[in-house]
């Protein structure tokens, strides 16, 4: 059984198209113009009223400039320490040699290895080296303290190197100069070391007294 479709008498009215409140295309150029050009009137042409806030392009440029400034990292300020600005440390009378203050004792393994490393690096240049072992002569400790201006022995680290009478530093400074090739420039012009080893002390530069070491 089929149902009959009833006819409605209601009239369908076509809704009018929506109205958009927008200006004509002739005012588009005013959106991209500066405030002063819009406010001037343009010689009688139909233009929009000058807004109280900056134009769209001006605000866009301001936002981009702000984001660009925030994205740039702030570089830390480099502080200059007193050691960098202090006077240069020198040893009088050692302008033609290399002076090393070190220790041959193995009490502190790290200190012993650092002293051995520095001596090996400098000996490879075959220049005159004055090795001053603090473990053999305590006067070298007082001498080094006086040169560096340190009063506490506990803060005195070894080795300490002077080239041409000029203070160079410790193991880190010597290793860095050697790796960069600058250490060769420091030792250029120094007298060459004498070949061979001393027959009396074997290179240790310390001999016990034959009279008092015999005992009673």
N, C-alpha and C. Protein backbone atom coordinates (compact mmCIF):
# COMPACT_ATOMS: atom_id res chain seq x y z
N UNK A 1 0.84 -1.18 0.00
CA UNK A 1 0.00 0.00 0.00
C UNK A 1 0.88 1.23 0.00
N UNK A 2 0.68 2.10 -0.90
CA UNK A 2 1.51 3.29 -1.06
C UNK A 2 0.84 4.48 -0.41
N UNK A 3 1.63 5.26 0.30
CA UNK A 3 1.11 6.48 0.93
C UNK A 3 1.25 7.63 -0.03
N UNK A 4 0.21 8.45 -0.05
CA UNK A 4 0.23 9.60 -0.94
C UNK A 4 0.96 10.75 -0.28
N UNK A 5 1.79 11.42 -1.04
CA UNK A 5 2.54 12.57 -0.53
C UNK A 5 1.63 13.79 -0.51
N UNK A 6 1.54 14.33 0.67
CA UNK A 6 0.67 15.49 0.83
C UNK A 6 1.39 16.74 0.37
N UNK A 7 0.65 17.61 -0.21
CA UNK A 7 1.19 18.86 -0.70
C UNK A 7 0.99 19.94 0.34
N UNK A 8 2.06 20.63 0.66
CA UNK A 8 1.96 21.72 1.62
C UNK A 8 1.74 23.02 0.89
N UNK A 9 1.00 23.85 1.55
CA UNK A 9 0.70 25.15 0.96
C UNK A 9 1.64 26.25 1.44
N UNK A 10 2.61 25.87 2.29
CA UNK A 10 3.53 26.89 2.79
C UNK A 10 4.46 27.32 1.68
N UNK A 11 4.65 28.56 1.60
CA UNK A 11 5.51 29.13 0.57
C UNK A 11 6.96 29.22 1.09
N UNK A 12 7.81 28.84 0.20
CA UNK A 12 9.24 28.89 0.54
C UNK A 12 9.81 30.18 -0.03
N UNK A 13 10.26 31.00 0.87
CA UNK A 13 10.86 32.28 0.45
C UNK A 13 12.38 32.11 0.39
N UNK A 14 12.93 32.52 -0.68
CA UNK A 14 14.38 32.48 -0.80
C UNK A 14 15.00 33.56 0.08
N UNK A 15 15.90 33.09 0.98
CA UNK A 15 16.53 34.05 1.90
C UNK A 15 17.49 34.95 1.11
N UNK A 16 17.48 36.21 1.41
CA UNK A 16 18.38 37.11 0.69
C UNK A 16 19.83 36.80 1.02
N UNK A 17 20.73 37.02 0.10
CA UNK A 17 22.17 36.75 0.36
C UNK A 17 22.68 37.64 1.47
N UNK A 18 23.63 37.10 2.29
CA UNK A 18 24.15 37.89 3.41
C UNK A 18 24.93 39.09 2.89
N UNK A 19 24.78 40.15 3.65
CA UNK A 19 25.47 41.38 3.29
C UNK A 19 26.76 41.48 4.12
N UNK A 20 27.87 41.73 3.45
CA UNK A 20 29.15 41.87 4.11
C UNK A 20 29.48 43.35 4.22
N UNK A 21 29.72 43.74 5.45
CA UNK A 21 30.06 45.15 5.68
C UNK A 21 31.55 45.35 5.43
N UNK A 22 31.87 45.61 4.19
CA UNK A 22 33.26 45.83 3.85
C UNK A 22 33.36 47.00 2.91
N UNK A 23 34.47 47.59 2.88
CA UNK A 23 34.69 48.71 2.00
C UNK A 23 34.95 48.23 0.59
N UNK A 24 34.88 49.11 -0.31
CA UNK A 24 35.16 48.76 -1.69
C UNK A 24 36.65 48.55 -1.89
N UNK A 25 37.00 47.96 -3.01
CA UNK A 25 38.40 47.65 -3.28
C UNK A 25 39.24 48.90 -3.47
N UNK A 26 38.61 50.00 -3.67
CA UNK A 26 39.40 51.22 -3.83
C UNK A 26 40.03 51.66 -2.53
N UNK A 27 39.55 51.10 -1.35
CA UNK A 27 40.12 51.46 -0.05
C UNK A 27 41.14 50.46 0.44
N UNK A 28 41.46 49.44 -0.37
CA UNK A 28 42.42 48.43 0.07
C UNK A 28 43.79 49.04 0.26
N UNK A 29 44.14 49.99 -0.62
CA UNK A 29 45.47 50.58 -0.53
C UNK A 29 45.68 51.32 0.77
N UNK A 30 44.58 51.76 1.39
CA UNK A 30 44.73 52.50 2.65
C UNK A 30 45.15 51.60 3.80
N UNK A 31 44.88 50.28 3.71
CA UNK A 31 45.31 49.36 4.76
C UNK A 31 46.81 49.18 4.78
N UNK A 32 47.45 49.36 3.62
CA UNK A 32 48.88 49.16 3.54
C UNK A 32 49.66 50.47 3.55
N UNK A 33 48.99 51.55 3.70
CA UNK A 33 49.66 52.84 3.72
C UNK A 33 49.92 53.26 5.15
N UNK A 34 50.86 54.21 5.35
CA UNK A 34 51.17 54.73 6.67
C UNK A 34 50.05 55.64 7.15
N UNK A 35 50.10 55.94 8.41
CA UNK A 35 49.06 56.77 9.01
C UNK A 35 49.05 58.17 8.43
N UNK A 36 50.24 58.71 8.10
CA UNK A 36 50.28 60.08 7.65
C UNK A 36 49.66 60.23 6.28
N UNK A 37 49.90 59.21 5.38
CA UNK A 37 49.32 59.30 4.03
C UNK A 37 47.82 59.15 4.06
N UNK A 38 47.29 58.35 4.99
CA UNK A 38 45.83 58.17 5.08
C UNK A 38 45.19 59.40 5.65
N UNK A 39 45.84 60.00 6.65
CA UNK A 39 45.25 61.16 7.30
C UNK A 39 45.29 62.38 6.42
N UNK A 40 46.16 62.42 5.38
CA UNK A 40 46.28 63.60 4.55
C UNK A 40 45.10 63.85 3.67
N UNK A 41 44.27 62.86 3.38
CA UNK A 41 43.08 63.08 2.57
C UNK A 41 43.29 62.74 1.13
N UNK A 42 44.54 62.79 0.64
CA UNK A 42 44.81 62.36 -0.75
C UNK A 42 44.22 63.28 -1.77
N UNK A 43 44.11 64.60 -1.49
CA UNK A 43 43.64 65.54 -2.52
C UNK A 43 42.19 65.40 -2.85
N UNK A 44 41.34 65.08 -1.85
CA UNK A 44 39.92 65.05 -2.09
C UNK A 44 39.38 63.71 -2.46
N UNK A 45 40.26 62.67 -2.54
CA UNK A 45 39.76 61.33 -2.88
C UNK A 45 39.06 60.72 -1.69
N UNK A 46 38.16 59.76 -1.99
CA UNK A 46 37.39 59.09 -0.93
C UNK A 46 38.28 58.09 -0.23
N UNK A 47 38.76 58.39 0.98
CA UNK A 47 39.63 57.50 1.75
C UNK A 47 39.04 57.25 3.09
N UNK A 48 39.57 56.19 3.77
CA UNK A 48 39.11 55.85 5.10
C UNK A 48 39.64 56.84 6.10
N UNK A 49 38.96 56.96 7.20
CA UNK A 49 39.43 57.82 8.28
C UNK A 49 40.70 57.24 8.87
N UNK A 50 41.62 58.11 9.27
CA UNK A 50 42.90 57.66 9.83
C UNK A 50 42.66 56.98 11.17
N UNK A 51 43.11 55.76 11.35
CA UNK A 51 42.91 55.08 12.64
C UNK A 51 43.82 55.66 13.70
N UNK A 52 43.48 55.40 14.92
CA UNK A 52 44.26 55.90 16.04
C UNK A 52 45.45 55.03 16.35
N UNK A 53 45.53 53.81 15.78
CA UNK A 53 46.64 52.89 16.02
C UNK A 53 47.40 52.68 14.72
N UNK A 54 48.65 52.19 14.77
CA UNK A 54 49.45 52.01 13.56
C UNK A 54 48.79 51.07 12.57
N UNK A 55 49.25 51.15 11.32
CA UNK A 55 48.70 50.31 10.28
C UNK A 55 49.10 48.85 10.47
N UNK A 56 48.51 47.98 9.64
CA UNK A 56 48.75 46.54 9.78
C UNK A 56 50.20 46.21 9.48
N UNK A 57 50.75 46.78 8.42
CA UNK A 57 52.14 46.48 8.06
C UNK A 57 53.11 46.99 9.12
N UNK A 58 52.80 48.16 9.68
CA UNK A 58 53.70 48.70 10.70
C UNK A 58 53.70 47.81 11.95
N UNK A 59 52.51 47.33 12.35
CA UNK A 59 52.45 46.44 13.50
C UNK A 59 53.13 45.10 13.20
N UNK A 60 53.02 44.63 11.98
CA UNK A 60 53.67 43.37 11.61
C UNK A 60 55.18 43.49 11.68
N UNK A 61 55.72 44.62 11.20
CA UNK A 61 57.17 44.83 11.28
C UNK A 61 57.64 44.95 12.72
N UNK A 62 56.83 45.58 13.58
CA UNK A 62 57.21 45.73 14.98
C UNK A 62 57.26 44.39 15.68
N UNK A 63 56.29 43.52 15.41
CA UNK A 63 56.26 42.19 16.03
C UNK A 63 57.44 41.35 15.57
N UNK A 64 57.79 41.42 14.28
CA UNK A 64 58.92 40.66 13.78
C UNK A 64 60.23 41.14 14.39
N UNK A 65 60.35 42.46 14.56
CA UNK A 65 61.57 42.99 15.17
C UNK A 65 61.70 42.55 16.62
N UNK A 66 60.57 42.50 17.34
CA UNK A 66 60.59 42.06 18.72
C UNK A 66 60.96 40.59 18.84
N UNK A 67 60.38 39.75 17.98
CA UNK A 67 60.71 38.32 18.01
C UNK A 67 62.16 38.08 17.63
N UNK A 68 62.69 38.87 16.69
CA UNK A 68 64.08 38.71 16.29
C UNK A 68 65.03 39.06 17.42
N UNK A 69 64.70 40.12 18.18
CA UNK A 69 65.55 40.51 19.30
C UNK A 69 65.51 39.51 20.44
N UNK A 70 64.35 38.87 20.65
CA UNK A 70 64.25 37.88 21.71
C UNK A 70 64.94 36.58 21.35
N UNK A 71 65.01 36.27 20.05
CA UNK A 71 65.63 35.01 19.65
C UNK A 71 67.15 35.06 19.67
N UNK A 72 67.74 36.25 19.69
CA UNK A 72 69.20 36.35 19.70
C UNK A 72 69.72 36.05 21.08
N UNK A 73 70.74 35.17 21.20
CA UNK A 73 71.29 34.84 22.52
C UNK A 73 72.09 36.00 23.09
N UNK A 74 72.07 36.11 24.38
CA UNK A 74 72.81 37.14 25.07
C UNK A 74 74.20 36.61 25.40
N UNK A 75 75.22 37.26 24.88
CA UNK A 75 76.59 36.80 25.10
C UNK A 75 77.03 37.15 26.51
N UNK A 76 77.63 36.21 27.21
CA UNK A 76 78.09 36.50 28.57
C UNK A 76 79.26 37.46 28.55
N UNK A 77 79.35 38.30 29.55
CA UNK A 77 80.44 39.24 29.67
C UNK A 77 81.67 38.52 30.20
N UNK A 78 82.79 38.77 29.52
CA UNK A 78 84.04 38.13 29.89
C UNK A 78 84.72 38.99 30.93
N UNK A 79 84.97 38.40 32.09
CA UNK A 79 85.63 39.12 33.16
C UNK A 79 87.13 38.86 33.09
N UNK A 80 87.90 39.90 33.19
CA UNK A 80 89.35 39.81 33.15
C UNK A 80 89.86 39.63 34.56
N UNK A 81 90.59 38.56 34.77
CA UNK A 81 91.11 38.27 36.09
C UNK A 81 92.37 39.08 36.34
N UNK A 82 92.83 39.07 37.58
CA UNK A 82 94.03 39.81 37.93
C UNK A 82 95.29 39.18 37.34
N UNK A 83 95.24 37.86 37.13
CA UNK A 83 96.42 37.20 36.57
C UNK A 83 96.69 37.66 35.15
N UNK A 84 95.61 37.95 34.37
CA UNK A 84 95.80 38.37 33.00
C UNK A 84 96.34 39.79 32.92
N UNK A 85 95.99 40.64 33.87
CA UNK A 85 96.42 42.02 33.84
C UNK A 85 97.61 42.28 34.73
N UNK A 86 98.11 41.26 35.44
CA UNK A 86 99.22 41.44 36.36
C UNK A 86 100.54 41.60 35.62
N UNK A 87 101.58 41.99 36.35
CA UNK A 87 102.89 42.17 35.72
C UNK A 87 103.49 40.84 35.29
N UNK A 88 104.37 40.90 34.30
CA UNK A 88 105.02 39.70 33.78
C UNK A 88 106.08 39.21 34.77
N UNK A 89 106.10 37.89 35.02
CA UNK A 89 107.03 37.29 35.97
C UNK A 89 108.27 36.83 35.22
N UNK A 90 109.44 37.23 35.71
CA UNK A 90 110.70 36.88 35.07
C UNK A 90 111.73 36.46 36.12
N UNK A 91 112.74 35.71 35.65
CA UNK A 91 113.88 35.31 36.47
C UNK A 91 115.11 36.05 35.95
N UNK A 92 115.72 36.89 36.73
CA UNK A 92 116.93 37.59 36.25
C UNK A 92 118.07 36.60 36.02
N UNK A 93 118.80 36.81 34.92
CA UNK A 93 119.95 35.99 34.60
C UNK A 93 119.63 34.68 33.93
N UNK A 94 118.38 34.43 33.56
CA UNK A 94 118.00 33.16 32.91
C UNK A 94 117.45 33.40 31.51
N UNK A 95 117.97 34.43 30.84
CA UNK A 95 117.46 34.78 29.51
C UNK A 95 117.90 33.80 28.43
N UNK A 96 118.91 32.97 28.68
CA UNK A 96 119.44 32.07 27.66
C UNK A 96 119.27 30.61 28.04
N UNK A 97 118.30 30.31 28.82
CA UNK A 97 118.09 28.91 29.22
C UNK A 97 116.63 28.68 29.57
N UNK A 98 116.30 27.41 29.78
CA UNK A 98 114.97 27.00 30.24
C UNK A 98 115.10 26.52 31.68
N UNK A 99 114.30 27.07 32.57
CA UNK A 99 114.34 26.70 33.98
C UNK A 99 113.06 25.94 34.32
N UNK A 100 113.23 24.76 34.91
CA UNK A 100 112.09 23.93 35.32
C UNK A 100 112.19 23.67 36.82
N UNK A 101 111.16 24.03 37.54
CA UNK A 101 111.03 23.67 38.95
C UNK A 101 110.12 22.46 39.01
N UNK A 102 110.65 21.36 39.52
CA UNK A 102 109.90 20.10 39.53
C UNK A 102 110.27 19.30 40.77
N UNK A 103 109.71 18.11 40.86
CA UNK A 103 110.04 17.18 41.92
C UNK A 103 110.20 15.79 41.33
N UNK A 104 111.16 15.06 41.86
CA UNK A 104 111.39 13.68 41.41
C UNK A 104 110.78 12.66 42.35
N UNK A 105 110.12 13.10 43.42
CA UNK A 105 109.47 12.18 44.35
C UNK A 105 108.16 11.67 43.76
N UNK A 106 107.84 10.43 44.08
CA UNK A 106 106.61 9.80 43.58
C UNK A 106 105.50 9.80 44.63
N UNK A 107 105.59 10.68 45.60
CA UNK A 107 104.58 10.71 46.67
C UNK A 107 103.21 11.01 46.08
N UNK A 108 103.13 12.05 45.26
CA UNK A 108 101.88 12.39 44.57
C UNK A 108 102.06 12.00 43.11
N UNK A 109 101.36 10.98 42.69
CA UNK A 109 101.57 10.41 41.36
C UNK A 109 101.23 11.42 40.27
N UNK A 110 100.17 12.17 40.45
CA UNK A 110 99.76 13.15 39.43
C UNK A 110 100.84 14.21 39.24
N UNK A 111 101.41 14.71 40.34
CA UNK A 111 102.46 15.72 40.24
C UNK A 111 103.71 15.14 39.58
N UNK A 112 104.05 13.93 39.94
CA UNK A 112 105.23 13.29 39.35
C UNK A 112 105.05 13.10 37.84
N UNK A 113 103.88 12.66 37.41
CA UNK A 113 103.63 12.46 35.98
C UNK A 113 103.64 13.78 35.22
N UNK A 114 103.12 14.84 35.83
CA UNK A 114 103.14 16.14 35.17
C UNK A 114 104.57 16.65 34.99
N UNK A 115 105.38 16.49 36.02
CA UNK A 115 106.78 16.91 35.91
C UNK A 115 107.53 16.10 34.85
N UNK A 116 107.25 14.82 34.80
CA UNK A 116 107.90 13.96 33.80
C UNK A 116 107.48 14.36 32.39
N UNK A 117 106.21 14.69 32.21
CA UNK A 117 105.71 15.09 30.89
C UNK A 117 106.37 16.37 30.41
N UNK A 118 106.47 17.37 31.30
CA UNK A 118 107.07 18.64 30.92
C UNK A 118 108.55 18.47 30.58
N UNK A 119 109.26 17.70 31.37
CA UNK A 119 110.68 17.49 31.10
C UNK A 119 110.90 16.75 29.78
N UNK A 120 110.03 15.80 29.47
CA UNK A 120 110.16 15.07 28.21
C UNK A 120 109.91 15.98 27.01
N UNK A 121 108.90 16.85 27.11
CA UNK A 121 108.58 17.76 26.00
C UNK A 121 109.73 18.73 25.75
N UNK A 122 110.26 19.32 26.82
CA UNK A 122 111.31 20.33 26.65
C UNK A 122 112.64 19.71 26.25
N UNK A 123 112.94 18.52 26.71
CA UNK A 123 114.20 17.87 26.33
C UNK A 123 114.23 17.52 24.85
N UNK A 124 113.07 17.37 24.22
CA UNK A 124 113.04 17.03 22.80
C UNK A 124 113.54 18.16 21.91
N UNK A 125 113.58 19.39 22.42
CA UNK A 125 114.06 20.52 21.62
C UNK A 125 115.58 20.67 21.68
N UNK A 126 116.26 19.89 22.51
CA UNK A 126 117.72 19.89 22.58
C UNK A 126 118.28 21.27 22.91
N UNK A 127 117.67 21.95 23.88
CA UNK A 127 118.16 23.25 24.32
C UNK A 127 118.66 23.13 25.75
N UNK A 128 119.35 24.16 26.18
CA UNK A 128 119.89 24.17 27.54
C UNK A 128 118.76 24.27 28.56
N UNK A 129 118.74 23.34 29.51
CA UNK A 129 117.67 23.27 30.51
C UNK A 129 118.30 23.25 31.90
N UNK A 130 117.81 24.11 32.75
CA UNK A 130 118.23 24.15 34.15
C UNK A 130 117.13 23.52 34.99
N UNK A 131 117.30 22.27 35.37
CA UNK A 131 116.29 21.53 36.12
C UNK A 131 116.56 21.68 37.62
N UNK A 132 115.60 22.25 38.32
CA UNK A 132 115.74 22.51 39.74
C UNK A 132 114.75 21.64 40.50
N UNK A 133 115.28 20.59 41.11
CA UNK A 133 114.46 19.60 41.81
C UNK A 133 114.23 20.07 43.25
N UNK A 134 112.99 20.34 43.59
CA UNK A 134 112.67 20.81 44.94
C UNK A 134 112.84 19.72 45.98
N UNK A 135 112.77 18.45 45.57
CA UNK A 135 112.93 17.36 46.53
C UNK A 135 114.39 17.16 46.91
N UNK A 136 115.30 17.69 46.12
CA UNK A 136 116.72 17.56 46.39
C UNK A 136 117.28 18.76 47.16
N UNK A 137 116.69 19.92 46.95
CA UNK A 137 117.18 21.14 47.60
C UNK A 137 115.98 21.97 48.02
N UNK A 138 115.81 22.15 49.32
CA UNK A 138 114.66 22.91 49.84
C UNK A 138 114.75 24.40 49.53
N UNK A 139 115.95 24.88 49.20
CA UNK A 139 116.09 26.30 48.88
C UNK A 139 115.39 26.66 47.58
N UNK A 140 115.20 25.67 46.70
CA UNK A 140 114.46 25.92 45.46
C UNK A 140 112.99 26.25 45.75
N UNK A 141 112.45 25.67 46.81
CA UNK A 141 111.07 25.96 47.19
C UNK A 141 110.93 27.43 47.61
N UNK A 142 111.84 27.89 48.45
CA UNK A 142 111.80 29.29 48.89
C UNK A 142 112.05 30.23 47.71
N UNK A 143 112.91 29.84 46.82
CA UNK A 143 113.20 30.66 45.65
C UNK A 143 111.98 30.79 44.75
N UNK A 144 111.29 29.67 44.52
CA UNK A 144 110.11 29.70 43.65
C UNK A 144 108.97 30.49 44.30
N UNK A 145 108.82 30.37 45.59
CA UNK A 145 107.79 31.15 46.28
C UNK A 145 108.07 32.64 46.17
N UNK A 146 109.31 33.01 46.28
CA UNK A 146 109.67 34.42 46.18
C UNK A 146 109.44 34.96 44.77
N UNK A 147 109.71 34.15 43.76
CA UNK A 147 109.53 34.58 42.37
C UNK A 147 108.05 34.76 42.04
N UNK A 148 107.24 33.78 42.45
CA UNK A 148 105.80 33.82 42.14
C UNK A 148 105.00 34.68 43.11
N UNK A 149 105.62 35.05 44.24
CA UNK A 149 104.92 35.88 45.21
C UNK A 149 103.89 35.13 46.03
N UNK A 150 104.10 33.83 46.23
CA UNK A 150 103.20 33.01 47.03
C UNK A 150 103.80 32.77 48.40
N UNK A 151 102.94 32.83 49.42
CA UNK A 151 103.40 32.66 50.80
C UNK A 151 103.09 31.27 51.35
N UNK A 152 102.09 30.59 50.82
CA UNK A 152 101.70 29.27 51.32
C UNK A 152 102.25 28.19 50.39
N UNK A 153 102.97 27.26 50.97
CA UNK A 153 103.55 26.18 50.18
C UNK A 153 102.49 25.20 49.68
N UNK A 154 101.38 25.10 50.39
CA UNK A 154 100.34 24.15 49.99
C UNK A 154 99.69 24.53 48.66
N UNK A 155 99.71 25.82 48.31
CA UNK A 155 99.10 26.27 47.06
C UNK A 155 100.08 26.26 45.90
N UNK A 156 101.31 25.86 46.14
CA UNK A 156 102.33 25.85 45.10
C UNK A 156 102.30 24.51 44.38
N UNK A 157 101.93 24.52 43.13
CA UNK A 157 101.84 23.29 42.33
C UNK A 157 103.05 23.21 41.40
N UNK A 158 103.41 22.00 41.05
CA UNK A 158 104.55 21.73 40.17
C UNK A 158 104.07 20.95 38.96
N UNK A 159 104.78 21.09 37.85
CA UNK A 159 106.00 21.86 37.61
C UNK A 159 105.71 23.32 37.27
N UNK A 160 106.77 24.13 37.30
CA UNK A 160 106.72 25.52 36.86
C UNK A 160 107.87 25.75 35.88
N UNK A 161 107.55 26.37 34.75
CA UNK A 161 108.50 26.48 33.65
C UNK A 161 108.76 27.96 33.33
N UNK A 162 110.04 28.28 33.14
CA UNK A 162 110.47 29.61 32.68
C UNK A 162 111.32 29.41 31.44
N UNK A 163 110.99 30.11 30.37
CA UNK A 163 111.74 30.03 29.11
C UNK A 163 112.30 31.41 28.79
N UNK A 164 113.62 31.48 28.67
CA UNK A 164 114.25 32.76 28.41
C UNK A 164 114.06 33.75 29.54
N UNK A 165 113.91 33.24 30.75
CA UNK A 165 113.68 34.10 31.90
C UNK A 165 112.24 34.49 32.10
N UNK A 166 111.36 34.13 31.19
CA UNK A 166 109.94 34.51 31.25
C UNK A 166 109.11 33.34 31.76
N UNK A 167 108.19 33.63 32.66
CA UNK A 167 107.33 32.59 33.23
C UNK A 167 106.31 32.14 32.19
N UNK A 168 106.25 30.80 31.97
CA UNK A 168 105.32 30.23 30.99
C UNK A 168 104.10 29.62 31.67
N UNK A 169 104.32 28.84 32.73
CA UNK A 169 103.19 28.22 33.41
C UNK A 169 103.54 26.80 33.83
N UNK A 170 102.47 25.99 33.95
CA UNK A 170 102.63 24.61 34.37
C UNK A 170 102.48 23.63 33.23
N UNK A 171 102.04 22.43 33.56
CA UNK A 171 101.96 21.37 32.57
C UNK A 171 100.90 21.66 31.52
N UNK A 172 99.78 22.26 31.90
CA UNK A 172 98.71 22.53 30.93
C UNK A 172 99.16 23.57 29.91
N UNK A 173 99.83 24.61 30.36
CA UNK A 173 100.30 25.64 29.43
C UNK A 173 101.36 25.10 28.49
N UNK A 174 102.30 24.32 29.01
CA UNK A 174 103.35 23.76 28.17
C UNK A 174 102.76 22.78 27.16
N UNK A 175 101.83 21.95 27.59
CA UNK A 175 101.22 20.99 26.66
C UNK A 175 100.43 21.71 25.57
N UNK A 176 99.70 22.75 25.94
CA UNK A 176 98.92 23.49 24.94
C UNK A 176 99.82 24.19 23.93
N UNK A 177 100.91 24.80 24.39
CA UNK A 177 101.85 25.44 23.47
C UNK A 177 102.53 24.43 22.56
N UNK A 178 102.82 23.27 23.09
CA UNK A 178 103.47 22.23 22.28
C UNK A 178 102.53 21.69 21.22
N UNK A 179 101.27 21.48 21.55
CA UNK A 179 100.31 20.96 20.58
C UNK A 179 100.01 21.97 19.48
N UNK A 180 100.02 23.26 19.80
CA UNK A 180 99.74 24.29 18.80
C UNK A 180 100.97 24.68 17.99
N UNK A 181 102.16 24.21 18.39
CA UNK A 181 103.38 24.54 17.67
C UNK A 181 104.03 25.84 18.10
N UNK A 182 103.47 26.53 19.08
CA UNK A 182 104.02 27.80 19.52
C UNK A 182 105.22 27.63 20.44
N UNK A 183 105.35 26.47 21.08
CA UNK A 183 106.46 26.27 22.00
C UNK A 183 107.80 26.32 21.27
N UNK A 184 107.81 25.91 20.01
CA UNK A 184 109.05 25.96 19.23
C UNK A 184 109.54 27.39 19.05
N UNK A 185 108.61 28.33 18.91
CA UNK A 185 109.00 29.73 18.78
C UNK A 185 109.59 30.28 20.07
N UNK A 186 109.15 29.76 21.21
CA UNK A 186 109.66 30.23 22.49
C UNK A 186 111.12 29.82 22.70
N UNK A 187 111.48 28.62 22.26
CA UNK A 187 112.82 28.10 22.53
C UNK A 187 113.81 28.41 21.41
N UNK A 188 113.33 29.03 20.34
CA UNK A 188 114.25 29.37 19.25
C UNK A 188 115.26 30.43 19.74
N UNK A 189 116.51 30.25 19.38
CA UNK A 189 117.55 31.18 19.77
C UNK A 189 118.25 30.83 21.05
N UNK A 190 117.74 29.83 21.79
CA UNK A 190 118.41 29.42 23.02
C UNK A 190 119.60 28.51 22.70
N UNK A 191 120.63 28.52 23.54
CA UNK A 191 121.81 27.66 23.28
C UNK A 191 121.43 26.19 23.29
N UNK A 192 122.09 25.44 22.43
CA UNK A 192 121.83 24.01 22.35
C UNK A 192 122.41 23.29 23.55
N UNK A 193 121.77 22.20 23.94
CA UNK A 193 122.24 21.41 25.08
C UNK A 193 123.45 20.60 24.69
N UNK A 194 124.31 20.37 25.65
CA UNK A 194 125.49 19.56 25.39
C UNK A 194 125.10 18.09 25.24
N UNK A 195 125.61 17.43 24.25
CA UNK A 195 125.23 16.02 24.05
C UNK A 195 125.79 15.12 25.14
N UNK A 196 125.07 14.01 25.39
CA UNK A 196 125.54 13.06 26.39
C UNK A 196 125.01 13.36 27.77
N UNK A 197 125.43 12.52 28.71
CA UNK A 197 125.00 12.63 30.11
C UNK A 197 126.22 12.77 31.00
N UNK A 198 126.04 13.53 32.07
CA UNK A 198 127.14 13.73 33.00
C UNK A 198 127.59 12.38 33.58
N UNK A 199 128.89 12.12 33.52
CA UNK A 199 129.40 10.85 34.02
C UNK A 199 129.41 10.80 35.55
N UNK A 200 129.46 11.95 36.20
CA UNK A 200 129.54 11.96 37.67
C UNK A 200 128.19 11.72 38.32
N UNK A 201 127.17 12.44 37.88
CA UNK A 201 125.85 12.32 38.54
C UNK A 201 124.84 11.57 37.71
N UNK A 202 125.14 11.26 36.44
CA UNK A 202 124.20 10.53 35.61
C UNK A 202 122.99 11.35 35.19
N UNK A 203 123.12 12.67 35.25
CA UNK A 203 122.01 13.54 34.85
C UNK A 203 121.11 13.96 35.99
N UNK A 204 121.34 13.43 37.20
CA UNK A 204 120.52 13.81 38.35
C UNK A 204 120.98 15.11 39.01
N UNK A 205 122.20 15.52 38.76
CA UNK A 205 122.76 16.78 39.25
C UNK A 205 122.77 16.84 40.77
N UNK A 206 122.96 15.72 41.41
CA UNK A 206 123.03 15.69 42.87
C UNK A 206 123.96 14.54 43.27
N UNK A 207 125.01 14.86 44.05
CA UNK A 207 125.99 13.85 44.48
C UNK A 207 126.17 13.98 45.98
N UNK A 208 126.08 12.87 46.68
CA UNK A 208 126.30 12.87 48.12
C UNK A 208 127.78 13.08 48.43
N UNK A 209 128.00 13.66 49.57
CA UNK A 209 129.36 13.90 50.00
C UNK A 209 130.05 12.57 50.33
N UNK A 210 131.21 12.34 49.77
CA UNK A 210 131.90 11.09 49.98
C UNK A 210 132.46 10.98 51.39
N UNK A 211 132.67 12.08 52.07
CA UNK A 211 133.24 12.08 53.40
C UNK A 211 132.21 11.75 54.48
N UNK A 212 131.08 12.48 54.46
CA UNK A 212 130.10 12.30 55.53
C UNK A 212 129.14 11.15 55.28
N UNK A 213 129.04 10.65 54.07
CA UNK A 213 128.12 9.58 53.77
C UNK A 213 128.69 8.20 54.08
N UNK A 214 129.98 8.14 54.44
CA UNK A 214 130.58 6.84 54.76
C UNK A 214 130.16 6.30 56.12
N UNK A 215 129.79 7.21 57.00
CA UNK A 215 129.39 6.77 58.34
C UNK A 215 130.56 6.64 59.28
N UNK A 216 130.37 6.27 60.51
CA UNK A 216 131.43 6.16 61.47
C UNK A 216 132.34 4.97 61.16
